[in-house]
Amino acid sequence: MGKNVKVNGKVYACTISLAMDIIGGKWKSVILFHLKDREKRYSELRKEIPAITEMTLSLQLKQLEENGLVSRVVYGDKPPIKVLYSLTDFGTTFLPALEAIDEWGKLVANEKGRFVESVSN
């Protein structure tokens, strides 16, 4: 019988299940990828990930922040305020896995498809 993992009161069947709960889904890893090099404003993320809806981006950023992977810093107290998102130290620990996923995606693209120009919405 394998060992279960308990984190924050939640029991997972394995460490993969735990990791996927934190970074899984269609957009979380994509958001983290776009934050890997520098902090960005919400509007920059929207432009770089045009297929994501505003509601989904907001929700995913909030979940990434709650899980400690992304930091949200608000500058100013009167509109227009400036909000910047960046990877936390904990978030940067995911970068080796993210880079491995990126490399594997490139391999799949080269073997089963091709790279094309961006299509804007």
N, C-alpha and C. Protein backbone atom coordinates (compact mmCIF):
# COMPACT_ATOMS: atom_id res chain seq x y z
N MET A 1 0.84 -1.18 0.00
CA MET A 1 0.00 0.00 0.00
C MET A 1 0.88 1.25 0.00
N GLY A 2 0.61 2.20 -0.90
CA GLY A 2 1.38 3.42 -1.00
C GLY A 2 1.09 4.38 0.12
N LYS A 3 1.94 5.34 0.26
CA LYS A 3 1.76 6.34 1.29
C LYS A 3 0.94 7.50 0.76
N ASN A 4 -0.02 7.94 1.54
CA ASN A 4 -0.78 9.13 1.23
C ASN A 4 0.00 10.34 1.73
N VAL A 5 -0.35 11.51 1.24
CA VAL A 5 0.29 12.75 1.63
C VAL A 5 -0.78 13.67 2.19
N LYS A 6 -0.50 14.27 3.34
CA LYS A 6 -1.45 15.21 3.93
C LYS A 6 -0.80 16.59 4.00
N VAL A 7 -1.46 17.57 3.37
CA VAL A 7 -0.97 18.95 3.36
C VAL A 7 -2.16 19.87 3.64
N ASN A 8 -1.99 20.73 4.63
CA ASN A 8 -3.05 21.68 4.99
C ASN A 8 -4.40 21.00 5.22
N GLY A 9 -4.36 19.85 5.86
CA GLY A 9 -5.59 19.14 6.20
C GLY A 9 -6.21 18.34 5.07
N LYS A 10 -5.61 18.38 3.90
CA LYS A 10 -6.14 17.65 2.74
C LYS A 10 -5.24 16.45 2.46
N VAL A 11 -5.86 15.29 2.23
CA VAL A 11 -5.10 14.07 1.98
C VAL A 11 -5.07 13.79 0.48
N TYR A 12 -3.86 13.49 -0.01
CA TYR A 12 -3.65 13.19 -1.42
C TYR A 12 -3.16 11.76 -1.55
N ALA A 13 -3.52 11.12 -2.65
CA ALA A 13 -3.11 9.73 -2.89
C ALA A 13 -1.61 9.61 -3.13
N CYS A 14 -1.01 10.68 -3.67
CA CYS A 14 0.42 10.67 -3.96
C CYS A 14 0.89 12.11 -4.15
N THR A 15 2.19 12.27 -4.29
CA THR A 15 2.74 13.61 -4.45
C THR A 15 2.37 14.24 -5.80
N ILE A 16 2.14 13.43 -6.81
CA ILE A 16 1.69 13.95 -8.12
C ILE A 16 0.32 14.58 -7.96
N SER A 17 -0.56 13.92 -7.23
CA SER A 17 -1.89 14.45 -6.97
C SER A 17 -1.80 15.79 -6.23
N LEU A 18 -0.91 15.87 -5.27
CA LEU A 18 -0.68 17.12 -4.53
C LEU A 18 -0.21 18.22 -5.48
N ALA A 19 0.81 17.92 -6.27
CA ALA A 19 1.36 18.92 -7.19
C ALA A 19 0.31 19.39 -8.19
N MET A 20 -0.46 18.46 -8.74
CA MET A 20 -1.46 18.84 -9.74
C MET A 20 -2.60 19.66 -9.13
N ASP A 21 -2.87 19.46 -7.85
CA ASP A 21 -3.87 20.29 -7.18
C ASP A 21 -3.40 21.73 -7.10
N ILE A 22 -2.10 21.91 -6.95
CA ILE A 22 -1.54 23.25 -6.82
C ILE A 22 -1.35 23.93 -8.18
N ILE A 23 -0.84 23.22 -9.18
CA ILE A 23 -0.49 23.85 -10.46
C ILE A 23 -1.28 23.30 -11.64
N GLY A 24 -2.22 22.39 -11.38
CA GLY A 24 -2.95 21.75 -12.46
C GLY A 24 -4.00 22.65 -13.09
N GLY A 25 -4.61 22.14 -14.12
CA GLY A 25 -5.61 22.90 -14.86
C GLY A 25 -5.00 23.47 -16.12
N LYS A 26 -5.83 24.07 -16.91
CA LYS A 26 -5.41 24.55 -18.23
C LYS A 26 -4.51 25.77 -18.17
N TRP A 27 -4.65 26.64 -17.17
CA TRP A 27 -4.01 27.94 -17.22
C TRP A 27 -2.92 28.21 -16.19
N LYS A 28 -2.90 27.53 -15.05
CA LYS A 28 -1.95 27.89 -13.99
C LYS A 28 -0.51 27.81 -14.45
N SER A 29 -0.13 26.73 -15.09
CA SER A 29 1.25 26.59 -15.56
C SER A 29 1.57 27.62 -16.64
N VAL A 30 0.59 27.96 -17.46
CA VAL A 30 0.79 28.98 -18.49
C VAL A 30 1.06 30.34 -17.85
N ILE A 31 0.29 30.66 -16.83
CA ILE A 31 0.49 31.93 -16.11
C ILE A 31 1.87 31.95 -15.47
N LEU A 32 2.24 30.86 -14.81
CA LEU A 32 3.56 30.78 -14.18
C LEU A 32 4.66 30.94 -15.22
N PHE A 33 4.48 30.34 -16.39
CA PHE A 33 5.46 30.45 -17.47
C PHE A 33 5.65 31.91 -17.88
N HIS A 34 4.56 32.66 -17.95
CA HIS A 34 4.64 34.06 -18.35
C HIS A 34 5.20 34.96 -17.26
N LEU A 35 5.24 34.47 -16.04
CA LEU A 35 5.82 35.24 -14.93
C LEU A 35 7.25 34.81 -14.60
N LYS A 36 7.78 33.84 -15.33
CA LYS A 36 9.07 33.25 -14.94
C LYS A 36 10.24 34.21 -15.05
N ASP A 37 10.18 35.17 -15.95
CA ASP A 37 11.32 36.06 -16.16
C ASP A 37 11.22 37.39 -15.42
N ARG A 38 9.99 37.86 -15.19
CA ARG A 38 9.83 39.15 -14.52
C ARG A 38 8.39 39.34 -14.05
N GLU A 39 8.22 40.33 -13.17
CA GLU A 39 6.87 40.66 -12.71
C GLU A 39 6.09 41.31 -13.84
N LYS A 40 4.76 41.16 -13.78
CA LYS A 40 3.93 41.71 -14.84
C LYS A 40 2.62 42.23 -14.27
N ARG A 41 2.06 43.18 -14.99
CA ARG A 41 0.73 43.69 -14.65
C ARG A 41 -0.31 42.73 -15.22
N TYR A 42 -1.51 42.82 -14.68
CA TYR A 42 -2.62 41.99 -15.13
C TYR A 42 -2.83 42.18 -16.64
N SER A 43 -2.80 43.43 -17.10
CA SER A 43 -3.04 43.71 -18.53
C SER A 43 -1.97 43.07 -19.42
N GLU A 44 -0.74 43.01 -18.94
CA GLU A 44 0.32 42.35 -19.72
C GLU A 44 0.03 40.86 -19.86
N LEU A 45 -0.41 40.24 -18.77
CA LEU A 45 -0.75 38.81 -18.82
C LEU A 45 -1.91 38.57 -19.78
N ARG A 46 -2.89 39.45 -19.76
CA ARG A 46 -4.04 39.31 -20.68
C ARG A 46 -3.58 39.38 -22.14
N LYS A 47 -2.66 40.28 -22.43
CA LYS A 47 -2.16 40.41 -23.80
C LYS A 47 -1.33 39.20 -24.22
N GLU A 48 -0.56 38.66 -23.28
CA GLU A 48 0.31 37.52 -23.60
C GLU A 48 -0.44 36.19 -23.66
N ILE A 49 -1.61 36.14 -23.00
CA ILE A 49 -2.43 34.92 -22.99
C ILE A 49 -3.83 35.29 -23.47
N PRO A 50 -3.99 35.63 -24.74
CA PRO A 50 -5.28 36.15 -25.22
C PRO A 50 -6.45 35.16 -25.13
N ALA A 51 -6.18 33.87 -25.08
CA ALA A 51 -7.27 32.89 -25.05
C ALA A 51 -7.93 32.77 -23.68
N ILE A 52 -7.30 33.30 -22.64
CA ILE A 52 -7.87 33.20 -21.30
C ILE A 52 -8.86 34.33 -21.07
N THR A 53 -9.97 34.02 -20.41
CA THR A 53 -10.94 35.07 -20.10
C THR A 53 -10.48 35.86 -18.89
N GLU A 54 -10.99 37.07 -18.75
CA GLU A 54 -10.62 37.92 -17.60
C GLU A 54 -10.98 37.24 -16.29
N MET A 55 -12.15 36.64 -16.23
CA MET A 55 -12.59 35.99 -15.00
C MET A 55 -11.67 34.81 -14.65
N THR A 56 -11.31 34.03 -15.64
CA THR A 56 -10.44 32.88 -15.40
C THR A 56 -9.06 33.34 -14.96
N LEU A 57 -8.51 34.36 -15.61
CA LEU A 57 -7.20 34.86 -15.23
C LEU A 57 -7.22 35.36 -13.79
N SER A 58 -8.23 36.12 -13.43
CA SER A 58 -8.35 36.62 -12.06
C SER A 58 -8.44 35.48 -11.06
N LEU A 59 -9.25 34.49 -11.35
CA LEU A 59 -9.43 33.35 -10.45
C LEU A 59 -8.15 32.55 -10.31
N GLN A 60 -7.48 32.28 -11.43
CA GLN A 60 -6.26 31.49 -11.39
C GLN A 60 -5.14 32.24 -10.66
N LEU A 61 -5.03 33.55 -10.88
CA LEU A 61 -4.03 34.34 -10.16
C LEU A 61 -4.31 34.30 -8.65
N LYS A 62 -5.57 34.40 -8.29
CA LYS A 62 -5.95 34.35 -6.87
C LYS A 62 -5.57 33.00 -6.26
N GLN A 63 -5.85 31.91 -6.98
CA GLN A 63 -5.51 30.58 -6.47
C GLN A 63 -4.00 30.39 -6.38
N LEU A 64 -3.26 30.88 -7.37
CA LEU A 64 -1.80 30.79 -7.33
C LEU A 64 -1.24 31.60 -6.17
N GLU A 65 -1.88 32.73 -5.89
CA GLU A 65 -1.47 33.55 -4.75
C GLU A 65 -1.77 32.84 -3.44
N GLU A 66 -2.97 32.25 -3.33
CA GLU A 66 -3.35 31.51 -2.12
C GLU A 66 -2.43 30.33 -1.86
N ASN A 67 -1.94 29.70 -2.94
CA ASN A 67 -1.04 28.56 -2.80
C ASN A 67 0.42 28.98 -2.63
N GLY A 68 0.68 30.29 -2.63
CA GLY A 68 2.02 30.79 -2.35
C GLY A 68 2.98 30.78 -3.52
N LEU A 69 2.49 30.58 -4.74
CA LEU A 69 3.37 30.57 -5.90
C LEU A 69 3.53 31.95 -6.53
N VAL A 70 2.52 32.79 -6.37
CA VAL A 70 2.51 34.12 -6.98
C VAL A 70 2.29 35.18 -5.90
N SER A 71 2.99 36.28 -6.07
CA SER A 71 2.83 37.42 -5.18
C SER A 71 2.10 38.52 -5.92
N ARG A 72 1.20 39.20 -5.22
CA ARG A 72 0.45 40.33 -5.79
C ARG A 72 0.78 41.55 -4.94
N VAL A 73 1.35 42.56 -5.58
CA VAL A 73 1.71 43.79 -4.86
C VAL A 73 0.95 44.96 -5.48
N VAL A 74 0.27 45.72 -4.62
CA VAL A 74 -0.51 46.87 -5.05
C VAL A 74 0.26 48.14 -4.71
N TYR A 75 0.44 48.99 -5.71
CA TYR A 75 1.11 50.28 -5.52
C TYR A 75 0.08 51.39 -5.64
N GLY A 76 0.04 52.25 -4.65
CA GLY A 76 -0.91 53.36 -4.65
C GLY A 76 -2.18 53.00 -3.92
N ASP A 77 -2.89 54.03 -3.49
CA ASP A 77 -4.15 53.79 -2.78
C ASP A 77 -5.33 54.48 -3.45
N LYS A 78 -5.05 55.26 -4.49
CA LYS A 78 -6.11 55.90 -5.25
C LYS A 78 -5.97 55.50 -6.72
N PRO A 79 -7.09 55.34 -7.41
CA PRO A 79 -7.01 55.00 -8.83
C PRO A 79 -6.28 56.08 -9.60
N PRO A 80 -5.51 55.74 -10.59
CA PRO A 80 -5.26 54.35 -11.01
C PRO A 80 -4.16 53.71 -10.15
N ILE A 81 -4.46 52.57 -9.61
CA ILE A 81 -3.47 51.84 -8.82
C ILE A 81 -2.68 50.93 -9.75
N LYS A 82 -1.52 50.54 -9.32
CA LYS A 82 -0.68 49.64 -10.10
C LYS A 82 -0.57 48.33 -9.34
N VAL A 83 -0.89 47.22 -9.99
CA VAL A 83 -0.81 45.90 -9.38
C VAL A 83 0.18 45.06 -10.19
N LEU A 84 1.16 44.50 -9.50
CA LEU A 84 2.15 43.66 -10.16
C LEU A 84 2.11 42.25 -9.59
N TYR A 85 2.20 41.28 -10.49
CA TYR A 85 2.24 39.87 -10.12
C TYR A 85 3.63 39.34 -10.41
N SER A 86 4.14 38.51 -9.52
CA SER A 86 5.45 37.91 -9.72
C SER A 86 5.50 36.56 -9.02
N LEU A 87 6.50 35.77 -9.39
CA LEU A 87 6.69 34.49 -8.72
C LEU A 87 7.28 34.74 -7.33
N THR A 88 6.83 33.98 -6.37
CA THR A 88 7.43 34.01 -5.04
C THR A 88 8.66 33.11 -5.06
N ASP A 89 9.39 33.09 -3.96
CA ASP A 89 10.52 32.16 -3.86
C ASP A 89 10.02 30.72 -4.01
N PHE A 90 8.87 30.42 -3.40
CA PHE A 90 8.27 29.09 -3.54
C PHE A 90 7.88 28.84 -4.99
N GLY A 91 7.34 29.85 -5.66
CA GLY A 91 6.96 29.72 -7.06
C GLY A 91 8.14 29.41 -7.96
N THR A 92 9.31 29.98 -7.64
CA THR A 92 10.49 29.72 -8.47
C THR A 92 10.97 28.28 -8.32
N THR A 93 10.58 27.59 -7.24
CA THR A 93 10.98 26.18 -7.11
C THR A 93 10.30 25.31 -8.16
N PHE A 94 9.24 25.82 -8.78
CA PHE A 94 8.52 25.08 -9.83
C PHE A 94 9.18 25.26 -11.20
N LEU A 95 10.09 26.23 -11.33
CA LEU A 95 10.69 26.53 -12.64
C LEU A 95 11.37 25.34 -13.31
N PRO A 96 12.14 24.50 -12.61
CA PRO A 96 12.72 23.34 -13.31
C PRO A 96 11.66 22.42 -13.93
N ALA A 97 10.57 22.20 -13.22
CA ALA A 97 9.49 21.38 -13.77
C ALA A 97 8.82 22.08 -14.95
N LEU A 98 8.63 23.38 -14.82
CA LEU A 98 8.01 24.17 -15.89
C LEU A 98 8.89 24.15 -17.14
N GLU A 99 10.19 24.28 -16.96
CA GLU A 99 11.10 24.24 -18.11
C GLU A 99 11.11 22.85 -18.76
N ALA A 100 10.99 21.80 -17.96
CA ALA A 100 10.92 20.44 -18.51
C ALA A 100 9.62 20.27 -19.32
N ILE A 101 8.52 20.81 -18.83
CA ILE A 101 7.24 20.74 -19.56
C ILE A 101 7.36 21.52 -20.86
N ASP A 102 8.00 22.69 -20.82
CA ASP A 102 8.20 23.51 -22.01
C ASP A 102 9.02 22.75 -23.05
N GLU A 103 10.10 22.12 -22.64
CA GLU A 103 10.95 21.35 -23.56
C GLU A 103 10.17 20.18 -24.17
N TRP A 104 9.38 19.50 -23.36
CA TRP A 104 8.59 18.39 -23.86
C TRP A 104 7.54 18.89 -24.85
N GLY A 105 6.94 20.04 -24.56
CA GLY A 105 5.98 20.64 -25.49
C GLY A 105 6.61 20.98 -26.82
N LYS A 106 7.85 21.49 -26.79
CA LYS A 106 8.57 21.78 -28.03
C LYS A 106 8.83 20.51 -28.82
N LEU A 107 9.19 19.44 -28.12
CA LEU A 107 9.42 18.14 -28.76
C LEU A 107 8.16 17.66 -29.46
N VAL A 108 7.03 17.73 -28.77
CA VAL A 108 5.75 17.30 -29.35
C VAL A 108 5.40 18.17 -30.55
N ALA A 109 5.59 19.49 -30.41
CA ALA A 109 5.28 20.40 -31.52
C ALA A 109 6.12 20.06 -32.75
N ASN A 110 7.39 19.78 -32.55
CA ASN A 110 8.27 19.46 -33.68
C ASN A 110 7.96 18.11 -34.30
N GLU A 111 7.57 17.14 -33.48
CA GLU A 111 7.31 15.79 -34.00
C GLU A 111 5.90 15.61 -34.55
N LYS A 112 4.95 16.31 -33.99
CA LYS A 112 3.56 16.06 -34.36
C LYS A 112 2.85 17.27 -34.96
N GLY A 113 3.52 18.39 -35.02
CA GLY A 113 2.88 19.60 -35.53
C GLY A 113 3.92 20.55 -36.06
N ARG A 114 3.68 21.83 -35.88
CA ARG A 114 4.62 22.85 -36.31
C ARG A 114 4.33 24.13 -35.56
N PHE A 115 5.31 25.00 -35.52
CA PHE A 115 5.15 26.31 -34.92
C PHE A 115 4.53 27.24 -35.96
N VAL A 116 3.56 28.07 -35.53
CA VAL A 116 2.89 29.01 -36.43
C VAL A 116 2.89 30.38 -35.77
N GLU A 117 2.57 31.41 -36.55
CA GLU A 117 2.47 32.77 -36.03
C GLU A 117 1.29 32.86 -35.06
N SER A 118 1.40 33.75 -34.10
CA SER A 118 0.33 33.95 -33.12
C SER A 118 -0.94 34.43 -33.82
N VAL A 119 -2.05 33.97 -33.28
CA VAL A 119 -3.36 34.40 -33.77
C VAL A 119 -4.01 35.18 -32.64
N SER A 120 -4.35 36.44 -32.87
CA SER A 120 -4.98 37.23 -31.81
C SER A 120 -6.49 37.09 -31.88
N ASN A 121 -7.11 37.25 -30.71
CA ASN A 121 -8.58 37.14 -30.62
C ASN A 121 -9.24 38.40 -31.10
